[in-house]
Protein backbone atom coordinates (compact mmCIF):
# COMPACT_ATOMS: atom_id res chain seq x y z
CA MET A 1 64.02 -15.96 30.55
CA LYS A 2 62.20 -19.05 30.34
CA ARG A 3 60.57 -20.07 26.96
CA LYS A 4 57.12 -19.88 28.69
CA ASP A 5 57.72 -16.36 29.83
CA LYS A 6 58.98 -15.27 26.36
CA PHE A 7 55.78 -16.67 24.83
CA ILE A 8 53.50 -14.77 27.35
CA CYS A 9 55.49 -11.68 26.51
CA LEU A 10 55.10 -12.19 22.81
CA SER A 11 51.48 -12.74 23.20
CA LEU A 12 50.92 -9.61 25.23
CA VAL A 13 52.72 -7.68 22.61
CA ILE A 14 50.71 -9.16 19.72
CA ILE A 15 47.49 -8.54 21.74
CA TYR A 16 48.59 -4.91 22.44
CA VAL A 17 49.32 -4.38 18.68
CA ILE A 18 45.95 -5.80 17.74
CA ILE A 19 44.21 -3.55 20.20
CA VAL A 20 46.12 -0.42 18.87
CA VAL A 21 45.54 -1.28 15.28
CA GLY A 22 41.88 -1.94 15.89
CA ILE A 23 41.39 1.47 17.70
CA ILE A 24 43.11 3.21 14.82
CA LEU A 25 41.25 1.29 12.06
CA SER A 26 37.78 1.21 13.76
CA PRO A 27 36.45 4.36 12.17
CA VAL A 28 37.57 3.06 8.73
CA ILE A 29 36.07 -0.36 9.21
CA TYR A 30 32.83 1.02 10.74
CA TYR A 31 32.42 3.47 7.73
CA ALA A 32 33.15 0.58 5.25
CA VAL A 33 30.59 -1.59 6.92
CA SER A 34 27.94 1.02 7.52
CA LYS A 35 28.57 3.56 4.73
CA PRO A 36 25.62 5.83 4.38
CA ILE A 37 23.59 5.28 1.23
CA ILE A 38 22.97 8.75 -0.23
CA TYR A 39 22.13 9.22 -3.84
CA TYR A 40 19.46 10.29 -6.32
CA ILE A 41 18.47 8.83 -9.82
CA ILE A 42 16.36 10.94 -12.10
CA GLU A 43 15.64 9.23 -15.48
CA TYR A 44 13.48 10.12 -18.44
CA ASP A 45 12.36 7.44 -21.10
CA ILE A 46 10.52 9.55 -23.66
CA ASN A 47 11.65 9.59 -27.33
CA LEU A 48 8.98 11.92 -28.75
CA SER A 49 9.59 14.96 -30.88
CA ASN A 50 8.12 17.26 -28.25
CA ARG A 51 9.82 15.56 -25.48
CA GLU A 52 10.90 18.81 -23.59
CA GLU A 53 7.42 20.28 -24.00
CA ILE A 54 5.70 17.18 -22.59
CA ILE A 55 8.01 17.01 -19.51
CA ASP A 56 7.67 20.61 -18.90
CA LYS A 57 3.83 20.31 -19.07
CA VAL A 58 3.57 17.36 -16.74
CA GLU A 59 6.11 18.45 -14.12
CA ASN A 60 4.81 22.00 -13.97
CA LEU A 61 1.17 21.21 -14.09
CA ASN A 62 -0.99 23.02 -11.43
CA TYR A 63 -2.25 19.73 -9.93
CA THR A 64 -4.15 21.40 -7.17
CA ALA A 65 -6.41 22.90 -9.90
CA TYR A 66 -7.18 19.29 -10.99
CA LEU A 67 -7.18 16.80 -8.29
CA ASN A 68 -9.90 16.09 -5.68
CA HIS A 69 -9.28 16.05 -2.00
CA ILE A 70 -5.66 17.61 -2.11
CA TYR A 71 -4.27 18.13 1.27
CA LYS A 72 -0.71 19.32 2.23
CA TYR A 73 0.69 18.79 5.74
CA PRO A 74 1.80 22.03 7.58
CA ASP A 75 5.40 22.83 8.00
CA PRO A 76 7.90 21.29 8.78
CA TYR A 77 6.86 18.85 6.11
CA PRO A 78 6.21 20.94 3.08
CA GLU A 79 7.12 18.13 0.70
CA THR A 80 4.24 15.81 1.72
CA GLN A 81 1.86 16.94 -0.99
CA LYS A 82 0.14 14.08 -2.72
CA TYR A 83 1.29 14.55 -6.22
CA ILE A 84 4.62 14.79 -7.93
CA ASP A 85 5.76 18.03 -9.65
CA ARG A 86 9.08 19.82 -10.38
CA ASP A 87 9.11 21.64 -7.07
CA LEU A 88 8.95 18.47 -5.18
CA ILE A 89 11.60 16.78 -7.27
CA ASN A 90 14.06 19.85 -6.78
CA LEU A 91 13.39 20.01 -3.11
CA LEU A 92 14.15 16.37 -2.44
CA LYS A 93 17.10 16.48 -4.69
CA SER A 94 18.61 19.56 -2.91
CA ARG A 95 18.25 17.73 0.41
CA ILE A 96 20.21 14.84 -0.77
CA GLU A 97 22.95 17.05 -2.44
CA ASN A 98 23.19 18.90 0.87
CA ASP A 99 23.37 15.60 2.93
CA THR A 100 27.22 15.37 3.38
CA GLY A 101 27.61 14.59 7.10
CA PHE A 102 29.01 11.57 8.77
CA TYR A 103 26.42 9.44 10.55
CA SER A 104 26.81 7.32 13.52
CA TRP A 105 23.52 5.43 13.17
CA PRO A 106 23.67 2.39 10.78
CA PRO A 107 22.19 1.78 8.36
CA TYR A 108 21.63 5.33 7.07
CA SER A 109 19.81 5.67 3.82
CA HIS A 110 18.80 8.85 2.02
CA TYR A 111 17.86 8.48 -1.64
CA LEU A 112 15.55 9.49 -4.45
CA ARG A 113 14.51 7.40 -7.44
CA TYR A 114 12.53 9.22 -10.10
CA TYR A 115 11.51 7.51 -13.44
CA PHE A 116 9.39 9.42 -16.10
CA LEU A 117 8.01 7.32 -18.92
CA GLY A 118 6.20 8.96 -21.90
CA GLU A 119 4.92 7.19 -25.00
CA ASN A 120 2.40 7.61 -27.81
CA HIS A 121 -0.51 5.34 -28.14
CA SER A 122 -2.69 5.16 -31.26
CA LYS A 123 -5.52 3.77 -29.21
CA LEU A 124 -6.20 3.65 -25.42
CA TYR A 125 -9.23 2.06 -23.84
CA LEU A 126 -10.54 3.97 -20.78
CA THR A 127 -13.14 2.32 -18.63
CA TYR A 128 -14.66 4.87 -16.09
CA SER A 129 -17.78 6.24 -14.63
CA ASN A 130 -18.59 9.86 -13.60
CA ASN A 131 -16.55 9.43 -10.43
CA THR A 132 -14.37 6.44 -10.82
CA ILE A 133 -11.53 5.23 -13.09
CA PHE A 134 -11.66 1.52 -13.38
CA SER A 135 -8.93 0.66 -15.89
CA LEU A 136 -6.72 1.95 -18.68
CA LYS A 137 -5.59 -0.47 -21.48
CA ASP A 138 -3.55 -0.22 -24.60
CA GLN A 139 -4.48 -1.69 -28.11
CA ASN A 140 -3.04 -5.00 -27.03
CA ASN A 141 -5.36 -5.17 -24.06
CA GLN A 142 -2.55 -4.73 -21.68
CA SER A 143 -3.31 -2.97 -18.37
CA LEU A 144 -1.48 0.40 -17.99
CA LEU A 145 -3.14 1.06 -14.67
CA LEU A 146 -5.54 -0.75 -12.31
CA VAL A 147 -7.08 0.65 -9.22
CA VAL A 148 -6.69 -2.83 -7.32
CA ASP A 149 -3.03 -3.40 -8.28
CA HIS A 150 -1.64 -2.51 -4.99
CA VAL A 151 -2.45 -1.53 -1.49
CA TRP A 152 -1.77 2.20 -1.14
CA GLY A 153 -2.19 4.89 1.44
CA GLY A 154 -4.20 7.08 -0.76
CA ILE A 155 -5.50 7.65 -4.41
CA GLU A 156 -5.96 10.99 -6.24
CA TRP A 157 -7.66 11.19 -9.57
CA TYR A 158 -9.05 13.50 -12.19
CA LEU A 159 -11.12 13.01 -15.43
CA ASN A 160 -11.60 16.04 -17.79
CA PHE A 161 -15.21 15.94 -18.83
CA THR A 162 -14.63 18.82 -21.23
CA GLN A 163 -12.55 16.34 -23.34
CA ILE A 164 -14.36 12.98 -22.58
CA PRO A 165 -18.22 12.36 -22.31
CA TYR A 166 -19.81 12.38 -18.89
CA VAL A 167 -21.02 8.88 -17.97
CA TYR A 168 -24.40 8.47 -16.42
CA ASN A 169 -24.52 4.67 -16.16
CA ASP A 170 -22.38 2.45 -14.10
CA ASN A 171 -19.35 2.61 -16.29
CA SER A 172 -18.43 2.94 -20.02
CA THR A 173 -15.33 2.23 -22.16
CA LEU A 174 -14.09 4.98 -24.37
CA VAL A 175 -11.50 4.75 -27.10
CA LEU A 176 -8.88 7.51 -26.89
CA SER A 177 -7.03 8.12 -30.11
CA GLU A 178 -3.46 9.33 -30.62
CA SER A 179 -2.80 9.96 -26.92
CA ILE A 180 0.16 10.39 -24.79
CA PHE A 181 0.58 8.13 -21.84
CA ILE A 182 2.79 9.33 -18.84
CA ASP A 183 3.96 6.86 -16.10
CA ILE A 184 5.95 8.39 -13.23
CA ASN A 185 7.35 6.42 -10.51
CA MET A 186 9.12 7.94 -7.40
CA VAL A 187 10.49 6.54 -4.23
CA TYR A 188 12.13 8.83 -1.51
CA VAL A 189 13.63 7.21 1.56
CA TYR A 190 15.00 9.17 4.62
CA PRO A 191 15.18 8.09 8.28
CA PHE A 192 11.61 8.11 9.55
CA ARG A 193 10.36 9.18 6.24
CA TYR A 194 9.16 7.15 3.20
CA TYR A 195 7.35 8.48 0.14
CA SER A 196 6.24 6.30 -2.81
CA PHE A 197 4.13 7.54 -5.87
CA ASP A 198 2.80 6.10 -9.07
CA GLN A 199 1.51 8.84 -11.13
CA TYR A 200 -0.32 8.45 -14.36
CA LEU A 201 -1.54 10.98 -16.97
CA VAL A 202 -3.06 10.83 -20.31
CA LEU A 203 -2.69 13.86 -22.59
CA ASN A 204 -4.27 14.25 -25.99
CA LYS A 205 -2.04 15.39 -29.04
CA ASN A 206 -2.59 19.04 -27.98
CA LEU A 207 -1.18 18.16 -24.52
CA ASP A 208 -4.56 18.73 -22.86
CA VAL A 209 -5.01 16.65 -19.76
CA ILE A 210 -7.59 13.88 -20.18
CA LEU A 211 -6.82 12.13 -16.86
CA ILE A 212 -4.71 11.97 -13.88
CA PHE A 213 -4.37 8.87 -11.54
CA ILE A 214 -2.02 8.89 -8.53
CA TYR A 215 -1.34 6.09 -5.94
CA HIS A 216 0.76 7.35 -2.83
CA ILE A 217 2.20 6.23 0.33
CA ILE A 218 3.34 9.03 2.65
CA SER A 219 4.84 7.75 5.90
CA ILE A 220 6.52 10.04 8.57
CA ASP A 221 7.33 8.55 11.96
């Protein structure tokens, strides 16, 4: 056999081997490249003596009894409420835990990120009117929430006028003493669904709700 013919045969064998190996390894390579992103992170940053009591109060609060203009989509989207509570967290967490299939549509992402911050403040400065929350600042004049911080899909709010004075003028700044500030951030991503929440609460030392303020984006395609 001529050297040229040997070279052609060897080349064909190499190509054949490459094709066979490629076919065998293609699922592995595909999965390595487009591995589904499925996870949840739930974290609490609250170092107060009544930590569990505060978390339980906030996550099990009956928000529909407080917030204005609450609307829930009908099934099959029971989770698209416009506030975060423990039922919602557990629902989304269970969906992720049960999401164990192999997906052929890259990139596939299904995750939940939930962060709960709770801290004491000796003084908070609340600027509000009878139907609007303008700002909340700490004793160092740092903003804890601002209505104009972001462009959001919606806003829910509540002011407890049994705990703070009713304001008849344009706005007023009230000093809240010995308060607990709660900042909850949650993002949930699933194909054709995206939820984002920034949820703020202020509680007094007896854990009565002073205010609730929620930014939210709920997108379902």
